[in-house]
Amino acid sequence: MDAYDSDQPLFCDDTGEALNEAARKLVLSALAEDKRAEVEGDGKTLGAVLSSIPVVDCAIGTWKYVQVQLTHPDEPDTFVLVVRSYNHCSYHAENYQELMRRLRRDAKTKGCVGRVIGGGRIRFDKGAGVCEVYGYSKTFGRTPGCNEKTADIIRKACPEFKKVSWSDSGY
């Protein structure tokens, strides 16, 4: 059973602290997986597995988001940074868990390893072509440069957006 399937509160809304063993395991998994690659990129071409993963998958509206570095054992020394926000996830760690659950269910992406780089909040409005990235994750802490990098990822993946902005302010 994953933490997301639990009826118990997972995280403190004020501090972001994990409240039970399932939540602690989820955070450790999100942070400690694969740390081989540097976050800024290595300039290598992605293989078939990593290039098949959408870089941005964000729910319409305002939600918590995570930026995750994905690697795959069949594509050594390469990685892709992805941005995820799901409207049914109340916590940053749950967004990570949902991403990994979806990757494991797909035969092509099964075996991917994810590591949370950071997170915050995102207002994603595809209809208006506007995206705002701001705040931070209480669970994963403040990650300098994460919101700016996330905005860059969205600009590249969604060139139809008229305005993509970022700030480290707010929660």
Protein backbone atom coordinates (compact mmCIF):
# COMPACT_ATOMS: atom_id res chain seq x y z
CA MET A 1 0.00 0.00 0.00
CA ASP A 2 1.37 3.44 -0.80
CA ALA A 3 1.03 6.48 1.41
CA TYR A 4 -1.53 7.94 -0.98
CA ASP A 5 -3.92 5.05 -0.27
CA SER A 6 -3.90 5.73 3.49
CA ASP A 7 -6.83 7.37 5.27
CA GLN A 8 -4.44 8.81 7.86
CA PRO A 9 -3.10 12.38 7.46
CA LEU A 10 0.29 12.19 5.78
CA PHE A 11 1.84 15.61 6.36
CA CYS A 12 1.40 18.53 8.72
CA ASP A 13 -0.23 21.38 6.81
CA ASP A 14 1.75 23.95 8.83
CA THR A 15 5.26 22.46 8.78
CA GLY A 16 5.19 19.90 5.97
CA GLU A 17 6.57 17.29 8.38
CA ALA A 18 5.71 13.66 7.67
CA LEU A 19 3.17 12.45 10.25
CA ASN A 20 3.49 8.69 9.85
CA GLU A 21 5.87 6.02 8.63
CA ALA A 22 4.27 5.79 5.16
CA ALA A 23 4.80 9.52 4.61
CA ARG A 24 8.41 9.36 5.88
CA LYS A 25 9.17 6.50 3.47
CA LEU A 26 7.59 8.45 0.62
CA VAL A 27 9.79 11.50 1.28
CA LEU A 28 12.94 9.39 1.58
CA SER A 29 12.11 7.65 -1.69
CA ALA A 30 11.50 10.94 -3.45
CA LEU A 31 14.79 12.43 -2.32
CA ALA A 32 17.24 9.56 -2.18
CA GLU A 33 16.84 7.59 -5.39
CA ASP A 34 19.36 8.32 -8.12
CA LYS A 35 21.84 11.15 -7.68
CA ARG A 36 24.21 10.32 -10.54
CA ALA A 37 23.38 13.25 -12.79
CA GLU A 38 23.69 16.94 -12.13
CA VAL A 39 20.48 18.93 -12.34
CA GLU A 40 21.69 21.41 -14.94
CA GLY A 41 21.99 18.84 -17.71
CA ASP A 42 24.69 16.85 -19.33
CA GLY A 43 24.05 17.61 -22.99
CA LYS A 44 23.49 13.97 -23.92
CA THR A 45 20.69 12.90 -26.22
CA LEU A 46 17.80 11.14 -24.53
CA GLY A 47 17.01 7.58 -25.54
CA ALA A 48 13.61 6.15 -26.41
CA VAL A 49 12.41 5.74 -22.82
CA LEU A 50 13.14 9.18 -21.40
CA SER A 51 12.19 11.02 -24.59
CA SER A 52 8.76 9.33 -24.48
CA ILE A 53 7.85 10.99 -21.16
CA PRO A 54 5.95 14.29 -21.39
CA VAL A 55 8.05 17.00 -19.76
CA VAL A 56 5.03 18.92 -18.43
CA ASP A 57 1.80 17.41 -17.11
CA CYS A 58 -0.04 19.94 -14.99
CA ALA A 59 -3.66 20.08 -13.94
CA ILE A 60 -5.64 23.18 -14.86
CA GLY A 61 -6.01 25.46 -11.84
CA THR A 62 -3.77 26.19 -8.86
CA TRP A 63 -2.06 23.19 -7.29
CA LYS A 64 1.13 22.06 -5.61
CA TYR A 65 3.76 20.88 -8.10
CA VAL A 66 7.04 18.98 -8.09
CA GLN A 67 10.04 19.08 -10.38
CA VAL A 68 11.50 15.58 -10.71
CA GLN A 69 14.70 14.33 -12.30
CA LEU A 70 14.02 11.03 -14.09
CA THR A 71 16.62 8.48 -15.12
CA HIS A 72 16.37 4.99 -16.54
CA PRO A 73 18.88 2.11 -16.25
CA ASP A 74 18.81 1.51 -20.02
CA GLU A 75 19.88 5.11 -20.67
CA PRO A 76 22.90 5.66 -18.42
CA ASP A 77 24.23 9.14 -17.81
CA THR A 78 21.12 10.87 -19.16
CA PHE A 79 18.10 12.32 -17.42
CA VAL A 80 15.07 14.47 -18.02
CA LEU A 81 13.51 17.06 -15.72
CA VAL A 82 9.72 16.90 -15.57
CA VAL A 83 7.07 19.05 -13.91
CA ARG A 84 3.95 17.48 -12.41
CA SER A 85 0.84 18.73 -10.64
CA TYR A 86 -2.24 16.58 -10.21
CA ASN A 87 -5.55 17.96 -9.00
CA HIS A 88 -6.19 15.04 -6.65
CA CYS A 89 -2.88 15.38 -4.77
CA SER A 90 -2.89 17.47 -1.60
CA TYR A 91 0.85 17.28 -0.97
CA HIS A 92 4.05 17.62 -2.99
CA ALA A 93 5.14 14.08 -2.14
CA GLU A 94 1.83 12.73 -3.43
CA ASN A 95 2.50 14.38 -6.82
CA TYR A 96 5.83 12.55 -6.94
CA GLN A 97 4.17 9.29 -5.94
CA GLU A 98 1.48 9.65 -8.62
CA LEU A 99 4.11 10.35 -11.30
CA MET A 100 6.08 7.26 -10.32
CA ARG A 101 2.91 5.13 -10.17
CA ARG A 102 2.02 6.16 -13.73
CA LEU A 103 5.53 5.45 -14.99
CA ARG A 104 5.55 1.99 -13.39
CA ARG A 105 2.20 1.11 -15.02
CA ASP A 106 3.49 1.88 -18.51
CA ALA A 107 5.61 -0.96 -19.93
CA LYS A 108 7.81 1.51 -21.83
CA THR A 109 8.68 3.66 -18.79
CA LYS A 110 8.72 0.95 -16.14
CA GLY A 111 12.05 1.05 -14.33
CA CYS A 112 12.37 4.84 -14.33
CA VAL A 113 13.93 6.27 -11.23
CA GLY A 114 12.80 9.66 -9.94
CA ARG A 115 14.32 12.18 -7.56
CA VAL A 116 12.48 15.29 -6.41
CA ILE A 117 14.46 18.44 -7.11
CA GLY A 118 11.91 20.79 -5.54
CA GLY A 119 8.40 22.08 -5.72
CA GLY A 120 6.00 24.86 -4.97
CA ARG A 121 2.69 25.99 -6.34
CA ILE A 122 1.62 26.43 -9.91
CA ARG A 123 -1.32 28.21 -11.49
CA PHE A 124 -1.72 26.55 -14.87
CA ASP A 125 -4.29 28.02 -17.26
CA LYS A 126 -3.96 26.44 -20.69
CA GLY A 127 -7.01 28.29 -22.04
CA ALA A 128 -5.56 31.72 -21.24
CA GLY A 129 -2.01 30.59 -22.01
CA VAL A 130 -0.79 31.74 -18.61
CA CYS A 131 1.28 29.96 -15.99
CA GLU A 132 2.59 31.22 -12.65
CA VAL A 133 5.14 29.24 -10.65
CA TYR A 134 5.76 30.36 -7.05
CA GLY A 135 6.30 29.37 -3.44
CA TYR A 136 8.03 26.30 -2.11
CA SER A 137 7.42 22.86 -0.68
CA LYS A 138 7.33 22.62 3.09
CA THR A 139 8.07 18.91 2.79
CA PHE A 140 11.10 19.19 0.49
CA GLY A 141 12.21 22.67 1.57
CA ARG A 142 13.18 25.72 -0.41
CA THR A 143 15.20 24.85 -3.48
CA PRO A 144 16.97 27.88 -4.97
CA GLY A 145 16.41 28.10 -8.71
CA CYS A 146 13.67 25.45 -8.83
CA ASN A 147 10.81 27.81 -9.68
CA GLU A 148 12.87 29.62 -12.31
CA LYS A 149 13.94 26.31 -13.89
CA THR A 150 10.35 25.05 -13.79
CA ALA A 151 9.17 28.18 -15.61
CA ASP A 152 11.90 27.59 -18.25
CA ILE A 153 10.80 23.96 -18.68
CA ILE A 154 7.18 25.07 -19.18
CA ARG A 155 8.15 27.81 -21.67
CA LYS A 156 9.98 25.24 -23.81
CA ALA A 157 7.31 22.54 -23.53
CA CYS A 158 4.35 24.90 -23.98
CA PRO A 159 5.42 27.54 -26.55
CA GLU A 160 1.76 28.46 -27.07
CA PHE A 161 1.64 30.06 -23.61
CA LYS A 162 1.64 33.86 -23.73
CA LYS A 163 3.03 34.35 -20.25
CA VAL A 164 5.01 32.08 -17.93
CA SER A 165 6.20 33.78 -14.77
CA TRP A 166 7.93 32.65 -11.60
CA SER A 167 8.64 33.91 -8.11
CA ASP A 168 10.13 32.44 -4.97
CA SER A 169 7.60 34.38 -2.88
CA GLY A 170 4.51 32.98 -1.24
CA TYR A 171 3.44 29.55 -0.26
